[in-house]
Amino acid sequence: MFLLDVFRNWSNTRRNARMTRMLNGGLPIFSQFGSDIYASDMVQNCINVIATEMSKLQPRHIRSTDDQEIMPKGNINRLLKFGPNPLMTTSEFIEKIIWTLMMNYNAFVIPVFDVDYSNGIERRTYRALYPVNPSRVEFLQDPEGMLLIRLYFASGVDFTFPYQDVIHLRKKFSVNEFMGGGANGQPDNAALLKVLQTNHTLAQGLERAAKINAAVQAVLKVATLMDDDAAKAERARFERLIADGESGILPVDLKGEFIPIKGDAKFIEKDTLAFLKQSVLDWFGVSMPILTGEFNDDEYQAFYEKTLEPLVVYFGQKFSKILFSERELDVGNEIIWYHRDMNYLSTTAKLNLIKTAGEQGLLSDNQKLRLLGYPPVPGGERRTQSLNYIDINLVNQYQMTNLMNKGKAVEDNEQGNSS
C-alpha cells in the first residue's frame, strides 16, 4: 500500500496516450521476464558476488568546474548517502537494482520529486528513488509526441510516467529498440540454458550413481531353487545375521555364499565439470577466485575492470541524464559512483597506496587510518605532503635559483681564499 499511494499521487497518467510503434512495425509491449536460469546455485552465486561488490559503491552528486570539484549540499546527496527511499539503505538500493538488472536485463528506478517554477526555471526537489519490478511494460506516445512508459505490476495496478523521468537500466541493449536482452525485450539466455541443462543432467547422473554405489554392498548367492517367498525369507534371515553379528563374523550355512561388491562407481571427469562451471562463470564475468573469495589484488583488479567498471560508468551516465536537466548538466552536475573502499587490497598494497597518495597530499590522516581499518582521530583531517615534489611551473625557477646560489657560493669562496 505504501508504494501504491506514493505512485498514485505522483504518476502522470495520460488518458489520451496511444501506443507508439517500433521501427520494425511491432508494438512495444514487453512482459517480465524469464527466470529459468536462476534455479542454478552457480548463477545465483555469480549474481550475488556482483551485487555485493556493487553495493559498496558510494554514489555522490558532484558539480565540476574548470578548477575544482565540489559536493553540493542538497537533497540528492542526502538520498544517495543515507537511503534513496524510506524502505532501503543505499546498499540495499544498489543490490536490488543489480539483481533485477541481471535477472531481467532491464531495471527501472522511479524518481519521486516536487517541481518549482517560481523563477521561470524548472527546479526539482527529489523526495525518493524507488527501484521497481513490473510484470509488463508498454511504451506510449501522448498527443504532444512525448514518449511515455506504462508499468504493470502483479497486483493488477499500473502507472504511466514520462519516459524521460524514469531511470531505465538495460543489459545487453542490442536488437530491441527500447529494452535490453533479445529481440522480444526479454533475457536472451538460450546459450547459458544449454550449459545449465547439461550440468543438471550430469548432476542427476552423479546422484544416481552415488545412491546405487551406497545401496548395493553385497550379493547373497543361494545354492538352491526358491520361489519369491522363500527368497524373501532367506534375505530376511541374512539381514538378521548381519544385525546380530557384533563380532564382525557372519555365519553362513552350506547353501549360501556371501559375495561382497567393491564400490567402484565411475563418476564424470572433473575436467568436464570444471568446463561447465567455467562457462557459467565466463557468462557473468566472475572468476573462481572471486567467487570463493580467495583472490589477490591483480585478480580483483581484473574483475573490477571487466565486470564492475562498465556498470559503474553506465550507472553514472544514466542517473546523471535522468536526475538533471540539460542546463544542470551543462554547468557540471553529475552523479559519480565512487568505488573507494579498498578493503580487498593486501596490507602491502594498502601501505604502497598510502605512501604514494600520501606523499602527494591526496589523503588525510584519517583516510590513511581508514584504509588500515583504524577509527578516525581528532585533527585527522590534516593533509601532509612530501617536500620532495615541486610544482612543474616552478621547476625552471627552482633550478635557476639553485644555479645562482651555487655560483655565488663559489665566488664567495674564491674571494675568501684570496684574502
Protein backbone atom coordinates (compact mmCIF):
# COMPACT_ATOMS: atom_id res chain seq x y z
CA MET A 1 0.00 0.00 0.00
CA PHE A 2 2.89 2.37 0.71
CA LEU A 3 4.28 2.41 -2.84
CA LEU A 4 0.78 2.30 -4.31
CA ASP A 5 -0.12 5.56 -2.55
CA VAL A 6 3.19 7.21 -3.49
CA PHE A 7 2.90 6.41 -7.20
CA ARG A 8 -0.84 7.11 -7.39
CA ASN A 9 -0.30 10.62 -6.05
CA TRP A 10 2.72 11.33 -8.23
CA SER A 11 2.34 9.43 -11.50
CA ASN A 12 1.39 11.45 -14.54
CA THR A 13 -1.24 9.26 -16.18
CA ARG A 14 -2.33 10.39 -19.64
CA ARG A 15 -5.68 9.01 -20.76
CA ASN A 16 -5.28 10.05 -24.38
CA ALA A 17 -1.89 8.42 -24.90
CA ARG A 18 -1.66 5.96 -27.77
CA MET A 19 0.68 3.05 -28.36
CA THR A 20 3.88 4.08 -30.09
CA ARG A 21 5.37 2.00 -32.90
CA MET A 22 8.79 0.40 -33.13
CA LEU A 23 10.91 0.87 -36.23
CA ASN A 24 10.19 -2.71 -37.27
CA GLY A 25 6.45 -2.07 -37.10
CA GLY A 26 5.83 -4.04 -33.91
CA LEU A 27 4.07 -2.85 -30.77
CA PRO A 28 6.39 -2.19 -27.80
CA ILE A 29 4.68 -4.38 -25.19
CA PHE A 30 7.06 -6.43 -23.07
CA SER A 31 6.33 -8.87 -20.29
CA GLN A 32 8.71 -9.60 -17.44
CA PHE A 33 10.99 -11.62 -17.91
CA GLY A 34 12.09 -15.27 -17.67
CA SER A 35 13.84 -16.66 -14.63
CA ASP A 36 14.66 -20.24 -15.63
CA ILE A 37 18.41 -19.89 -15.16
CA TYR A 38 18.06 -18.73 -11.55
CA ALA A 39 17.32 -22.21 -10.30
CA SER A 40 21.07 -22.75 -10.65
CA ASP A 41 23.10 -22.14 -7.50
CA MET A 42 26.10 -21.18 -9.64
CA VAL A 43 24.11 -18.44 -11.38
CA GLN A 44 22.83 -17.11 -8.07
CA ASN A 45 26.33 -17.11 -6.61
CA CYS A 46 27.71 -15.16 -9.58
CA ILE A 47 24.97 -12.52 -9.39
CA ASN A 48 25.35 -12.30 -5.64
CA VAL A 49 29.09 -11.57 -5.97
CA ILE A 50 28.43 -8.76 -8.45
CA ALA A 51 25.55 -7.33 -6.40
CA THR A 52 27.56 -7.47 -3.17
CA GLU A 53 30.55 -5.69 -4.68
CA MET A 54 28.39 -3.06 -6.39
CA SER A 55 26.54 -2.40 -3.12
CA LYS A 56 29.82 -0.99 -1.75
CA LEU A 57 29.66 1.89 -4.23
CA GLN A 58 29.05 5.36 -2.85
CA PRO A 59 27.12 7.49 -5.36
CA ARG A 60 27.52 11.25 -4.95
CA HIS A 61 26.23 14.39 -6.63
CA ILE A 62 29.29 16.31 -7.88
CA ARG A 63 29.49 19.71 -9.54
CA SER A 64 32.62 20.16 -11.63
CA THR A 65 34.07 23.48 -12.73
CA ASP A 66 37.26 24.29 -14.61
CA ASP A 67 39.39 24.29 -11.49
CA GLN A 68 37.57 22.29 -8.82
CA GLU A 69 35.00 19.66 -7.93
CA ILE A 70 32.54 20.28 -5.11
CA MET A 71 29.90 18.13 -3.46
CA PRO A 72 26.78 20.31 -3.21
CA LYS A 73 24.72 20.10 -0.06
CA GLY A 74 21.20 19.15 -1.01
CA ASN A 75 18.54 16.51 -1.10
CA ILE A 76 20.17 14.42 -3.85
CA ASN A 77 23.34 13.78 -1.85
CA ARG A 78 21.28 13.14 1.27
CA LEU A 79 19.24 10.50 -0.57
CA LEU A 80 22.29 8.88 -2.15
CA LYS A 81 24.26 8.80 1.09
CA PHE A 82 21.73 7.70 3.69
CA GLY A 83 18.93 5.99 1.80
CA PRO A 84 17.19 6.66 -1.53
CA ASN A 85 13.78 5.88 -0.04
CA PRO A 86 12.20 5.11 3.36
CA LEU A 87 12.34 1.36 2.72
CA MET A 88 16.02 0.91 1.79
CA THR A 89 19.56 1.85 2.63
CA THR A 90 21.85 2.85 -0.22
CA SER A 91 23.49 -0.60 -0.24
CA GLU A 92 20.12 -2.35 -0.39
CA PHE A 93 19.00 0.03 -3.14
CA ILE A 94 22.04 -0.81 -5.29
CA GLU A 95 21.79 -4.54 -4.59
CA LYS A 96 18.11 -4.55 -5.57
CA ILE A 97 18.90 -2.81 -8.87
CA ILE A 98 21.73 -5.23 -9.73
CA TRP A 99 19.67 -8.35 -9.02
CA THR A 100 16.77 -7.03 -11.11
CA LEU A 101 19.07 -5.99 -13.95
CA MET A 102 20.89 -9.33 -14.02
CA MET A 103 17.67 -11.34 -13.85
CA ASN A 104 15.56 -9.33 -16.29
CA TYR A 105 18.17 -7.47 -18.38
CA ASN A 106 16.06 -4.40 -17.54
CA ALA A 107 15.74 -2.46 -14.29
CA PHE A 108 13.55 0.56 -13.54
CA VAL A 109 14.02 3.24 -10.90
CA ILE A 110 11.23 5.77 -10.34
CA PRO A 111 12.36 9.18 -9.02
CA VAL A 112 9.70 10.94 -6.94
CA PHE A 113 10.10 14.72 -6.91
CA ASP A 114 8.41 18.08 -6.45
CA VAL A 115 8.72 20.77 -9.14
CA ASP A 116 9.10 24.51 -8.56
CA TYR A 117 8.64 27.01 -11.42
CA SER A 118 8.75 30.17 -9.26
CA ASN A 119 11.80 31.68 -11.04
CA GLY A 120 10.71 30.64 -14.51
CA ILE A 121 13.14 27.69 -14.40
CA GLU A 122 12.13 24.16 -13.50
CA ARG A 123 13.73 23.14 -10.22
CA ARG A 124 13.24 19.64 -8.88
CA THR A 125 13.40 18.58 -5.27
CA TYR A 126 13.81 14.80 -5.14
CA ARG A 127 11.99 13.02 -2.34
CA ALA A 128 12.82 9.39 -3.11
CA LEU A 129 14.17 6.90 -5.65
CA TYR A 130 12.29 3.59 -5.89
CA PRO A 131 13.53 0.51 -7.78
CA VAL A 132 10.51 -1.37 -9.15
CA ASN A 133 9.98 -4.71 -10.83
CA PRO A 134 6.98 -4.53 -13.18
CA SER A 135 5.44 -7.63 -14.72
CA ARG A 136 4.78 -5.87 -18.03
CA VAL A 137 5.75 -2.57 -19.63
CA GLU A 138 4.30 -0.62 -22.55
CA PHE A 139 5.71 2.37 -24.42
CA LEU A 140 3.14 5.03 -25.35
CA GLN A 141 3.06 8.43 -27.00
CA ASP A 142 0.83 11.30 -25.92
CA PRO A 143 -0.82 13.77 -28.33
CA GLU A 144 2.16 16.14 -27.97
CA GLY A 145 4.57 13.42 -29.04
CA MET A 146 6.07 12.75 -25.58
CA LEU A 147 7.25 9.18 -25.03
CA LEU A 148 5.60 7.56 -22.01
CA ILE A 149 6.11 4.25 -20.23
CA ARG A 150 3.31 2.33 -18.54
CA LEU A 151 4.33 -0.13 -15.85
CA TYR A 152 2.03 -3.01 -14.91
CA PHE A 153 2.51 -4.84 -11.61
CA ALA A 154 1.49 -8.30 -10.41
CA SER A 155 -1.09 -6.78 -8.05
CA GLY A 156 -3.08 -5.55 -11.05
CA VAL A 157 -2.26 -1.84 -10.79
CA ASP A 158 -0.45 0.18 -13.43
CA PHE A 159 1.21 3.61 -13.60
CA THR A 160 2.24 5.79 -16.52
CA PHE A 161 5.25 8.12 -16.38
CA PRO A 162 7.12 10.29 -18.87
CA TYR A 163 9.92 8.06 -20.07
CA GLN A 164 12.42 10.89 -19.65
CA ASP A 165 11.73 10.86 -15.90
CA VAL A 166 12.34 7.11 -15.41
CA ILE A 167 15.78 5.63 -14.88
CA HIS A 168 15.67 2.63 -17.22
CA LEU A 169 18.81 0.49 -16.98
CA ARG A 170 19.40 -2.03 -19.76
CA LYS A 171 21.75 -5.01 -20.05
CA LYS A 172 22.84 -6.24 -23.50
CA PHE A 173 20.93 -3.42 -25.17
CA SER A 174 21.18 -4.53 -28.79
CA VAL A 175 18.47 -5.67 -31.19
CA ASN A 176 15.42 -4.26 -29.37
CA GLU A 177 14.75 -0.53 -29.69
CA PHE A 178 13.53 0.00 -26.14
CA MET A 179 14.54 -2.91 -23.95
CA GLY A 180 17.65 -4.83 -23.01
CA GLY A 181 18.04 -8.51 -23.86
CA GLY A 182 16.81 -10.22 -27.01
CA ALA A 183 14.50 -9.08 -29.80
CA ASN A 184 11.42 -9.56 -27.61
CA GLY A 185 12.81 -7.45 -24.78
CA GLN A 186 13.45 -10.45 -22.54
CA PRO A 187 16.67 -12.09 -21.32
CA ASP A 188 18.45 -13.96 -24.08
CA ASN A 189 19.77 -16.88 -22.04
CA ALA A 190 19.45 -19.68 -24.61
CA ALA A 191 23.20 -20.40 -24.74
CA LEU A 192 23.52 -20.37 -20.96
CA LEU A 193 20.46 -22.58 -20.51
CA LYS A 194 22.07 -25.30 -22.64
CA VAL A 195 25.11 -25.33 -20.35
CA LEU A 196 22.93 -25.39 -17.23
CA GLN A 197 20.78 -28.21 -18.58
CA THR A 198 23.88 -30.27 -19.37
CA ASN A 199 25.23 -29.56 -15.91
CA HIS A 200 21.89 -30.54 -14.35
CA THR A 201 21.77 -33.82 -16.30
CA LEU A 202 25.28 -34.71 -15.19
CA ALA A 203 24.47 -33.82 -11.59
CA GLN A 204 21.45 -36.14 -11.66
CA GLY A 205 23.66 -38.92 -13.04
CA LEU A 206 26.15 -38.38 -10.21
CA GLU A 207 23.35 -38.55 -7.65
CA ARG A 208 22.01 -41.83 -9.04
CA ALA A 209 25.49 -43.34 -9.25
CA ALA A 210 26.21 -42.41 -5.63
CA LYS A 211 22.91 -43.90 -4.43
CA ILE A 212 23.49 -47.17 -6.32
CA ASN A 213 27.06 -47.39 -5.11
CA ALA A 214 25.95 -46.92 -1.49
CA ALA A 215 22.87 -49.14 -1.68
CA VAL A 216 24.30 -52.41 -3.10
CA GLN A 217 27.09 -53.72 -0.90
CA ALA A 218 26.98 -57.49 -1.48
CA VAL A 219 25.20 -60.41 -3.13
CA LEU A 220 23.96 -63.46 -1.23
CA LYS A 221 24.13 -66.44 -3.58
CA VAL A 222 21.74 -69.23 -2.53
CA ALA A 223 22.61 -72.66 -3.95
CA THR A 224 19.00 -73.93 -4.12
CA LEU A 225 15.94 -73.08 -6.18
CA MET A 226 13.47 -70.91 -4.25
CA ASP A 227 10.23 -69.18 -5.03
CA ASP A 228 9.79 -65.48 -4.23
CA ASP A 229 8.52 -66.04 -0.70
CA ALA A 230 11.41 -68.31 0.15
CA ALA A 231 13.91 -65.83 -1.32
CA LYS A 232 12.44 -63.03 0.80
CA ALA A 233 12.63 -65.22 3.92
CA GLU A 234 16.26 -66.10 3.19
CA ARG A 235 17.17 -62.43 2.68
CA ALA A 236 15.46 -61.52 5.96
CA ARG A 237 17.42 -64.23 7.75
CA PHE A 238 20.65 -62.91 6.21
CA GLU A 239 19.88 -59.35 7.33
CA ARG A 240 19.22 -60.58 10.88
CA LEU A 241 22.58 -62.31 10.91
CA ILE A 242 24.25 -59.03 9.87
CA ALA A 243 22.38 -57.08 12.55
CA ASP A 244 23.27 -59.59 15.29
CA GLY A 245 26.89 -60.09 14.24
CA GLU A 246 28.68 -57.98 16.84
CA SER A 247 31.99 -59.79 16.28
CA GLY A 248 32.06 -58.92 12.60
CA ILE A 249 31.99 -62.63 11.66
CA LEU A 250 28.94 -63.68 9.65
CA PRO A 251 27.86 -67.37 9.87
CA VAL A 252 26.55 -68.69 6.56
CA ASP A 253 25.33 -72.30 6.03
CA LEU A 254 26.29 -74.58 3.15
CA LYS A 255 23.51 -73.39 0.87
CA GLY A 256 24.53 -69.72 0.99
CA GLU A 257 27.53 -67.88 -0.42
CA PHE A 258 28.31 -64.26 0.52
CA ILE A 259 29.88 -62.27 -2.34
CA PRO A 260 30.97 -58.70 -1.41
CA ILE A 261 30.77 -55.97 -4.08
CA LYS A 262 33.57 -53.46 -4.18
CA GLY A 263 32.27 -49.91 -4.62
CA ASP A 264 33.78 -48.61 -7.84
CA ALA A 265 31.25 -46.25 -9.38
CA LYS A 266 32.56 -44.38 -12.40
CA PHE A 267 31.94 -40.66 -12.00
CA ILE A 268 32.25 -37.83 -14.51
CA GLU A 269 35.71 -36.47 -15.08
CA LYS A 270 36.45 -33.34 -13.08
CA ASP A 271 37.70 -31.56 -16.21
CA THR A 272 34.22 -31.88 -17.75
CA LEU A 273 32.55 -30.46 -14.65
CA ALA A 274 35.14 -27.68 -14.43
CA PHE A 275 34.48 -26.74 -18.06
CA LEU A 276 30.74 -26.45 -17.48
CA LYS A 277 31.26 -24.41 -14.32
CA GLN A 278 33.75 -22.13 -16.08
CA SER A 279 31.21 -21.49 -18.84
CA VAL A 280 28.76 -20.11 -16.29
CA LEU A 281 31.48 -18.01 -14.64
CA ASP A 282 32.56 -16.58 -18.00
CA TRP A 283 28.95 -15.67 -18.82
CA PHE A 284 28.81 -13.34 -15.81
CA GLY A 285 32.45 -12.24 -15.85
CA VAL A 286 33.26 -13.78 -12.47
CA SER A 287 36.40 -15.84 -11.89
CA MET A 288 36.64 -18.75 -9.48
CA PRO A 289 38.94 -16.86 -7.03
CA ILE A 290 36.40 -14.02 -6.90
CA LEU A 291 33.57 -16.50 -6.33
CA THR A 292 35.37 -18.23 -3.46
CA GLY A 293 36.86 -15.04 -2.00
CA GLU A 294 40.44 -16.30 -2.39
CA PHE A 295 41.59 -13.59 -4.80
CA ASN A 296 44.69 -11.44 -4.85
CA ASP A 297 44.99 -7.78 -5.83
CA ASP A 298 45.53 -8.48 -9.53
CA GLU A 299 42.57 -10.89 -9.75
CA TYR A 300 40.24 -8.40 -8.12
CA GLN A 301 41.51 -5.60 -10.35
CA ALA A 302 40.76 -7.73 -13.41
CA PHE A 303 37.26 -8.47 -12.07
CA TYR A 304 36.65 -4.78 -11.41
CA GLU A 305 37.80 -3.64 -14.84
CA LYS A 306 35.95 -6.39 -16.75
CA THR A 307 32.67 -6.68 -14.84
CA LEU A 308 32.16 -3.87 -12.33
CA GLU A 309 33.66 -0.81 -14.01
CA PRO A 310 31.32 -0.87 -17.05
CA LEU A 311 28.38 -0.88 -14.62
CA VAL A 312 29.92 1.94 -12.56
CA VAL A 313 30.35 4.12 -15.66
CA TYR A 314 26.90 3.24 -17.02
CA PHE A 315 25.12 3.96 -13.73
CA GLY A 316 26.83 7.34 -13.50
CA GLN A 317 25.77 8.31 -17.02
CA LYS A 318 22.18 7.07 -16.65
CA PHE A 319 21.45 8.60 -13.24
CA SER A 320 23.01 11.92 -14.30
CA LYS A 321 20.98 12.05 -17.52
CA ILE A 322 17.65 11.49 -15.75
CA LEU A 323 18.14 13.39 -12.49
CA PHE A 324 19.48 16.60 -14.02
CA SER A 325 18.13 18.92 -16.68
CA GLU A 326 20.20 19.80 -19.73
CA ARG A 327 21.11 23.13 -18.15
CA GLU A 328 22.24 21.44 -14.93
CA LEU A 329 24.37 19.01 -16.93
CA ASP A 330 25.91 21.88 -18.88
CA VAL A 331 27.14 23.56 -15.68
CA GLY A 332 28.89 20.40 -14.47
CA ASN A 333 26.35 18.48 -12.38
CA GLU A 334 26.66 14.70 -12.46
CA ILE A 335 26.28 11.56 -10.34
CA ILE A 336 29.56 9.72 -9.78
CA TRP A 337 29.61 6.23 -8.27
CA TYR A 338 32.76 6.10 -6.19
CA HIS A 339 34.42 2.75 -5.57
CA ARG A 340 36.68 3.95 -2.79
CA ASP A 341 36.54 1.04 -0.32
CA MET A 342 39.91 -0.65 -0.82
CA ASN A 343 39.43 -3.41 1.74
CA TYR A 344 40.19 -6.05 -0.90
CA LEU A 345 43.79 -4.82 -1.12
CA SER A 346 46.53 -6.66 0.73
CA THR A 347 48.30 -4.90 3.59
CA THR A 348 51.37 -4.34 1.39
CA ALA A 349 49.22 -2.79 -1.37
CA LYS A 350 47.48 -0.54 1.17
CA LEU A 351 50.81 0.69 2.53
CA ASN A 352 52.04 1.39 -1.01
CA LEU A 353 48.84 3.31 -1.73
CA ILE A 354 49.21 5.34 1.47
CA LYS A 355 52.84 6.10 0.64
CA THR A 356 52.17 7.17 -2.95
CA ALA A 357 48.93 9.09 -2.37
CA GLY A 358 50.08 10.42 0.99
CA GLU A 359 53.27 11.91 -0.39
CA GLN A 360 51.19 13.80 -2.94
CA GLY A 361 48.91 15.17 -0.23
CA LEU A 362 45.88 13.34 -1.61
CA LEU A 363 44.92 11.59 1.64
CA SER A 364 44.18 12.97 5.08
CA ASP A 365 45.48 11.23 8.20
CA ASN A 366 42.00 9.84 8.89
CA GLN A 367 41.71 8.47 5.35
CA LYS A 368 45.01 6.67 5.84
CA LEU A 369 43.77 5.25 9.13
CA ARG A 370 40.54 4.12 7.48
CA LEU A 371 42.45 2.17 4.83
CA LEU A 372 44.23 0.29 7.61
CA GLY A 373 40.98 -0.35 9.49
CA TYR A 374 41.52 2.12 12.32
CA PRO A 375 38.99 4.71 13.59
CA PRO A 376 39.50 8.46 12.97
CA VAL A 377 41.39 10.64 15.44
CA PRO A 378 40.84 14.29 16.41
CA GLY A 379 42.57 16.58 13.94
CA GLY A 380 42.86 13.75 11.45
CA GLU A 381 41.62 15.86 8.55
CA ARG A 382 45.14 17.26 8.25
CA ARG A 383 46.85 16.55 4.93
CA THR A 384 50.62 16.26 4.68
CA GLN A 385 52.77 16.32 1.57
CA SER A 386 56.35 15.37 0.85
CA LEU A 387 58.82 18.19 0.17
CA ASN A 388 60.45 16.02 -2.49
CA TYR A 389 57.93 17.24 -5.08
CA ILE A 390 57.63 20.65 -6.74
CA ASP A 391 55.10 22.40 -8.92
CA ILE A 392 56.04 21.84 -12.56
CA ASN A 393 55.62 25.56 -13.22
CA LEU A 394 58.32 26.33 -10.62
CA VAL A 395 60.91 23.82 -11.84
CA ASN A 396 62.85 26.27 -14.05
CA GLN A 397 62.79 28.98 -11.42
CA TYR A 398 63.95 26.49 -8.76
CA GLN A 399 66.85 25.29 -10.92
CA MET A 400 67.93 28.83 -11.84
CA THR A 401 67.87 29.88 -8.19
CA ASN A 402 69.99 26.88 -7.25
CA LEU A 403 72.39 27.68 -10.07
CA MET A 404 72.73 31.29 -8.96
CA ASN A 405 73.21 30.26 -5.32
CA LYS A 406 75.94 27.81 -6.28
CA GLY A 407 77.69 30.46 -8.38
CA LYS A 408 77.53 32.95 -5.57
CA ALA A 409 78.91 30.37 -3.12
CA VAL A 410 81.83 29.64 -5.44
CA GLU A 411 82.53 33.39 -5.86
CA ASP A 412 82.42 33.99 -2.09
CA ASN A 413 84.75 31.05 -1.53
CA GLU A 414 87.28 32.37 -4.05
CA GLN A 415 87.18 35.85 -2.50
CA GLY A 416 87.73 34.33 0.93
CA ASN A 417 90.74 32.38 -0.26
CA SER A 418 92.32 35.42 -1.93
CA SER A 419 92.04 37.48 1.23
